[in-house]
Amino acid sequence: MRNNRSSELDVGTRGSVLFSDETRICIHGSDRRRKVYRRPRERFADCCFEERSAYGGVSCTIWGANSIGAQTDPEFIRRDDRFHGRRGLTAARYIEEMLAIHVVPYDDYIGDEFTFMHDKATSHTARIVQDYIVEVCFRVKQWPAYSSDLNPIENL
């Protein structure tokens, strides 16, 4: 039985590391607020307005994982209607829909060298997720903070 511990990544084991992440894609561009700078008397000028869809338009969240030699199919994360569409990926759904279906089979395929990397999202760090990882016995490497280089799914 393998330990659930962090390990250093060396050249020989990089192919056995599975990186996972999710990204939100907005169909009508960014849904973030933008600052508008106007001159005096331009408050209601046409050049100061931008037409856009209500509530930022349609968006979807996609989860995926990849390593040097393989990748998972993208998994579209549906909103949970019980929470009026405001709830995305919960810890229970992360276990059932991502870890059990995609990560555990990859762990079985790679064997003892397998290392899994995911970020510190709330659904990933929940107690039930940590308990599940201990139960299935795979290693988790700490995800470095602000590591855009390790987020290939962000570039879809």
C-alpha atoms as a PDB file:
ATOM      1  CA  MET A   1       0.000   0.000   0.000  1.00  0.00           C
ATOM      2  CA  ARG A   2       1.396   3.390  -1.009  1.00  0.00           C
ATOM      3  CA  ASN A   3       1.591   6.387   1.239  1.00  0.00           C
ATOM      4  CA  ASN A   4      -0.550   9.441   0.640  1.00  0.00           C
ATOM      5  CA  ARG A   5       2.376  11.857   0.643  1.00  0.00           C
ATOM      6  CA  SER A   6       3.893  14.577  -1.416  1.00  0.00           C
ATOM      7  CA  SER A   7       6.921  13.655  -3.492  1.00  0.00           C
ATOM      8  CA  GLU A   8       9.449  15.621  -5.501  1.00  0.00           C
ATOM      9  CA  LEU A   9       9.065  15.425  -9.262  1.00  0.00           C
ATOM     10  CA  ASP A  10      12.186  14.209 -10.990  1.00  0.00           C
ATOM     11  CA  VAL A  11      12.742  13.715 -14.686  1.00  0.00           C
ATOM     12  CA  GLY A  12      12.062   9.985 -14.538  1.00  0.00           C
ATOM     13  CA  THR A  13       8.623  10.273 -12.925  1.00  0.00           C
ATOM     14  CA  ARG A  14       7.107  13.259 -14.754  1.00  0.00           C
ATOM     15  CA  GLY A  15       5.194  10.990 -17.115  1.00  0.00           C
ATOM     16  CA  SER A  16       3.372   9.460 -14.164  1.00  0.00           C
ATOM     17  CA  VAL A  17       2.036  12.799 -12.888  1.00  0.00           C
ATOM     18  CA  LEU A  18      -1.568  13.646 -13.716  1.00  0.00           C
ATOM     19  CA  PHE A  19      -2.386  17.376 -13.569  1.00  0.00           C
ATOM     20  CA  SER A  20      -6.030  18.360 -13.228  1.00  0.00           C
ATOM     21  CA  ASP A  21      -7.852  21.658 -13.297  1.00  0.00           C
ATOM     22  CA  GLU A  22     -11.107  23.233 -14.297  1.00  0.00           C
ATOM     23  CA  THR A  23     -11.839  26.364 -16.256  1.00  0.00           C
ATOM     24  CA  ARG A  24     -14.902  28.480 -16.852  1.00  0.00           C
ATOM     25  CA  ILE A  25     -15.619  29.521 -20.415  1.00  0.00           C
ATOM     26  CA  CYS A  26     -17.889  32.504 -21.058  1.00  0.00           C
ATOM     27  CA  ILE A  27     -19.563  32.431 -24.454  1.00  0.00           C
ATOM     28  CA  HIS A  28     -19.908  36.223 -24.689  1.00  0.00           C
ATOM     29  CA  GLY A  29     -16.433  37.179 -23.455  1.00  0.00           C
ATOM     30  CA  SER A  30     -15.462  37.964 -19.897  1.00  0.00           C
ATOM     31  CA  ASP A  31     -18.154  38.413 -17.268  1.00  0.00           C
ATOM     32  CA  ARG A  32     -15.893  40.485 -15.044  1.00  0.00           C
ATOM     33  CA  ARG A  33     -16.570  44.096 -14.299  1.00  0.00           C
ATOM     34  CA  ARG A  34     -14.664  46.616 -16.328  1.00  0.00           C
ATOM     35  CA  LYS A  35     -13.790  50.138 -15.392  1.00  0.00           C
ATOM     36  CA  VAL A  36     -14.968  52.885 -17.677  1.00  0.00           C
ATOM     37  CA  TYR A  37     -13.216  56.228 -17.808  1.00  0.00           C
ATOM     38  CA  ARG A  38     -15.307  59.107 -19.116  1.00  0.00           C
ATOM     39  CA  ARG A  39     -14.735  62.753 -19.679  1.00  0.00           C
ATOM     40  CA  PRO A  40     -17.109  65.273 -18.114  1.00  0.00           C
ATOM     41  CA  ARG A  41     -20.534  65.265 -19.872  1.00  0.00           C
ATOM     42  CA  GLU A  42     -19.929  61.810 -21.441  1.00  0.00           C
ATOM     43  CA  ARG A  43     -21.932  59.899 -18.863  1.00  0.00           C
ATOM     44  CA  PHE A  44     -24.706  58.887 -21.268  1.00  0.00           C
ATOM     45  CA  ALA A  45     -22.787  59.120 -24.537  1.00  0.00           C
ATOM     46  CA  ASP A  46     -23.104  56.090 -26.844  1.00  0.00           C
ATOM     47  CA  CYS A  47     -19.342  55.525 -26.773  1.00  0.00           C
ATOM     48  CA  CYS A  48     -19.549  54.832 -23.016  1.00  0.00           C
ATOM     49  CA  PHE A  49     -21.925  51.878 -23.330  1.00  0.00           C
ATOM     50  CA  GLU A  50     -21.353  48.320 -24.430  1.00  0.00           C
ATOM     51  CA  GLU A  51     -24.161  46.000 -25.384  1.00  0.00           C
ATOM     52  CA  ARG A  52     -24.026  42.612 -23.701  1.00  0.00           C
ATOM     53  CA  SER A  53     -26.229  39.754 -22.580  1.00  0.00           C
ATOM     54  CA  ALA A  54     -27.922  39.855 -19.219  1.00  0.00           C
ATOM     55  CA  TYR A  55     -25.969  38.186 -16.405  1.00  0.00           C
ATOM     56  CA  GLY A  56     -22.830  37.944 -18.524  1.00  0.00           C
ATOM     57  CA  GLY A  57     -24.299  35.491 -21.012  1.00  0.00           C
ATOM     58  CA  VAL A  58     -23.899  31.742 -21.134  1.00  0.00           C
ATOM     59  CA  SER A  59     -20.947  30.031 -19.498  1.00  0.00           C
ATOM     60  CA  CYS A  60     -19.830  26.500 -18.761  1.00  0.00           C
ATOM     61  CA  THR A  61     -17.188  24.944 -16.557  1.00  0.00           C
ATOM     62  CA  ILE A  62     -14.968  22.155 -17.866  1.00  0.00           C
ATOM     63  CA  TRP A  63     -12.724  19.814 -15.856  1.00  0.00           C
ATOM     64  CA  GLY A  64      -9.832  17.978 -17.424  1.00  0.00           C
ATOM     65  CA  ALA A  65      -6.601  16.218 -16.541  1.00  0.00           C
ATOM     66  CA  ASN A  66      -3.457  15.482 -18.496  1.00  0.00           C
ATOM     67  CA  SER A  67       0.024  14.081 -18.210  1.00  0.00           C
ATOM     68  CA  ILE A  68       2.937  13.864 -20.620  1.00  0.00           C
ATOM     69  CA  GLY A  69       1.512  10.851 -22.443  1.00  0.00           C
ATOM     70  CA  ALA A  70      -2.230  10.971 -21.846  1.00  0.00           C
ATOM     71  CA  GLN A  71      -5.239  13.112 -21.151  1.00  0.00           C
ATOM     72  CA  THR A  72      -8.773  12.606 -19.915  1.00  0.00           C
ATOM     73  CA  ASP A  73     -11.839  13.524 -21.882  1.00  0.00           C
ATOM     74  CA  PRO A  74     -13.156  16.946 -20.894  1.00  0.00           C
ATOM     75  CA  GLU A  75     -15.870  16.707 -18.275  1.00  0.00           C
ATOM     76  CA  PHE A  76     -18.565  19.385 -18.400  1.00  0.00           C
ATOM     77  CA  ILE A  77     -19.609  20.393 -14.901  1.00  0.00           C
ATOM     78  CA  ARG A  78     -23.353  20.882 -14.758  1.00  0.00           C
ATOM     79  CA  ARG A  79     -24.873  23.336 -12.339  1.00  0.00           C
ATOM     80  CA  ASP A  80     -26.899  21.741  -9.570  1.00  0.00           C
ATOM     81  CA  ASP A  81     -30.550  22.813 -10.023  1.00  0.00           C
ATOM     82  CA  ARG A  82     -31.272  22.255  -6.335  1.00  0.00           C
ATOM     83  CA  PHE A  83     -29.240  25.398  -5.689  1.00  0.00           C
ATOM     84  CA  HIS A  84     -30.949  27.458  -8.439  1.00  0.00           C
ATOM     85  CA  GLY A  85     -27.995  27.021 -10.796  1.00  0.00           C
ATOM     86  CA  ARG A  86     -25.527  28.717  -8.466  1.00  0.00           C
ATOM     87  CA  ARG A  87     -23.661  25.650  -7.305  1.00  0.00           C
ATOM     88  CA  GLY A  88     -20.960  24.141  -9.466  1.00  0.00           C
ATOM     89  CA  LEU A  89     -18.560  21.416  -8.446  1.00  0.00           C
ATOM     90  CA  THR A  90     -19.148  20.117  -4.924  1.00  0.00           C
ATOM     91  CA  ALA A  91     -16.801  17.781  -3.063  1.00  0.00           C
ATOM     92  CA  ALA A  92     -19.174  14.832  -3.491  1.00  0.00           C
ATOM     93  CA  ARG A  93     -19.474  15.454  -7.233  1.00  0.00           C
ATOM     94  CA  TYR A  94     -15.688  15.845  -7.513  1.00  0.00           C
ATOM     95  CA  ILE A  95     -15.255  12.363  -6.020  1.00  0.00           C
ATOM     96  CA  GLU A  96     -18.047  10.699  -8.022  1.00  0.00           C
ATOM     97  CA  GLU A  97     -17.636  12.385 -11.409  1.00  0.00           C
ATOM     98  CA  MET A  98     -13.913  13.140 -11.599  1.00  0.00           C
ATOM     99  CA  LEU A  99     -11.778  11.139  -9.176  1.00  0.00           C
ATOM    100  CA  ALA A 100     -13.634   7.801  -9.328  1.00  0.00           C
ATOM    101  CA  ILE A 101     -14.222   7.868 -13.091  1.00  0.00           C
ATOM    102  CA  HIS A 102     -10.981   9.409 -14.383  1.00  0.00           C
ATOM    103  CA  VAL A 103      -8.232   9.524 -11.751  1.00  0.00           C
ATOM    104  CA  VAL A 104      -8.519   6.128 -10.034  1.00  0.00           C
ATOM    105  CA  PRO A 105      -8.327   4.176 -13.348  1.00  0.00           C
ATOM    106  CA  TYR A 106      -5.280   6.235 -14.334  1.00  0.00           C
ATOM    107  CA  ASP A 107      -3.715   5.415 -10.956  1.00  0.00           C
ATOM    108  CA  ASP A 108      -4.325   1.702 -11.562  1.00  0.00           C
ATOM    109  CA  TYR A 109      -2.782   1.961 -15.041  1.00  0.00           C
ATOM    110  CA  ILE A 110       0.410   3.821 -13.964  1.00  0.00           C
ATOM    111  CA  GLY A 111       1.008   1.932 -10.719  1.00  0.00           C
ATOM    112  CA  ASP A 112       3.308   2.849  -7.832  1.00  0.00           C
ATOM    113  CA  GLU A 113       4.824   5.905  -9.527  1.00  0.00           C
ATOM    114  CA  PHE A 114       1.462   7.656  -9.949  1.00  0.00           C
ATOM    115  CA  THR A 115       1.190  11.186  -8.515  1.00  0.00           C
ATOM    116  CA  PHE A 116      -1.911  13.367  -8.764  1.00  0.00           C
ATOM    117  CA  MET A 117      -1.916  17.165  -8.754  1.00  0.00           C
ATOM    118  CA  HIS A 118      -4.956  19.354  -8.251  1.00  0.00           C
ATOM    119  CA  ASP A 119      -5.263  22.912  -7.006  1.00  0.00           C
ATOM    120  CA  LYS A 120      -6.617  24.016  -3.653  1.00  0.00           C
ATOM    121  CA  ALA A 121     -10.199  24.686  -4.712  1.00  0.00           C
ATOM    122  CA  THR A 122     -12.721  24.180  -1.925  1.00  0.00           C
ATOM    123  CA  SER A 123     -14.180  21.082  -3.578  1.00  0.00           C
ATOM    124  CA  HIS A 124     -10.670  19.551  -3.743  1.00  0.00           C
ATOM    125  CA  THR A 125      -9.627  20.258  -0.160  1.00  0.00           C
ATOM    126  CA  ALA A 126     -12.848  19.159   1.546  1.00  0.00           C
ATOM    127  CA  ARG A 127     -12.507  16.517   4.254  1.00  0.00           C
ATOM    128  CA  ILE A 128     -14.455  13.878   2.315  1.00  0.00           C
ATOM    129  CA  VAL A 129     -12.153  14.325  -0.693  1.00  0.00           C
ATOM    130  CA  GLN A 130      -9.047  13.999   1.479  1.00  0.00           C
ATOM    131  CA  ASP A 131     -10.514  10.884   3.132  1.00  0.00           C
ATOM    132  CA  TYR A 132     -11.286   9.397  -0.300  1.00  0.00           C
ATOM    133  CA  ILE A 133      -7.719  10.011  -1.482  1.00  0.00           C
ATOM    134  CA  VAL A 134      -6.389   8.221   1.610  1.00  0.00           C
ATOM    135  CA  GLU A 135      -8.854   5.365   1.008  1.00  0.00           C
ATOM    136  CA  VAL A 136      -7.776   4.803  -2.609  1.00  0.00           C
ATOM    137  CA  CYS A 137      -4.112   5.399  -1.698  1.00  0.00           C
ATOM    138  CA  PHE A 138      -2.658   7.671  -4.325  1.00  0.00           C
ATOM    139  CA  ARG A 139      -0.044  10.367  -3.854  1.00  0.00           C
ATOM    140  CA  VAL A 140      -0.955  14.023  -4.126  1.00  0.00           C
ATOM    141  CA  LYS A 141       1.689  16.635  -4.867  1.00  0.00           C
ATOM    142  CA  GLN A 142       1.101  20.170  -3.600  1.00  0.00           C
ATOM    143  CA  TRP A 143       0.079  22.564  -6.362  1.00  0.00           C
ATOM    144  CA  PRO A 144       2.365  25.628  -6.333  1.00  0.00           C
ATOM    145  CA  ALA A 145       0.558  28.904  -5.698  1.00  0.00           C
ATOM    146  CA  TYR A 146      -0.070  31.163  -8.707  1.00  0.00           C
ATOM    147  CA  SER A 147       1.402  28.636 -11.121  1.00  0.00           C
ATOM    148  CA  SER A 148      -0.135  29.572 -14.441  1.00  0.00           C
ATOM    149  CA  ASP A 149       2.387  27.303 -16.195  1.00  0.00           C
ATOM    150  CA  LEU A 150       0.675  24.291 -14.622  1.00  0.00           C
ATOM    151  CA  ASN A 151      -2.790  25.255 -15.876  1.00  0.00           C
ATOM    152  CA  PRO A 152      -2.917  24.018 -19.486  1.00  0.00           C
ATOM    153  CA  ILE A 153      -6.722  23.826 -19.432  1.00  0.00           C
ATOM    154  CA  GLU A 154      -6.876  27.603 -18.973  1.00  0.00           C
ATOM    155  CA  ASN A 155      -5.672  27.982 -22.567  1.00  0.00           C
ATOM    156  CA  LEU A 156      -8.615  26.248 -24.254  1.00  0.00           C
END
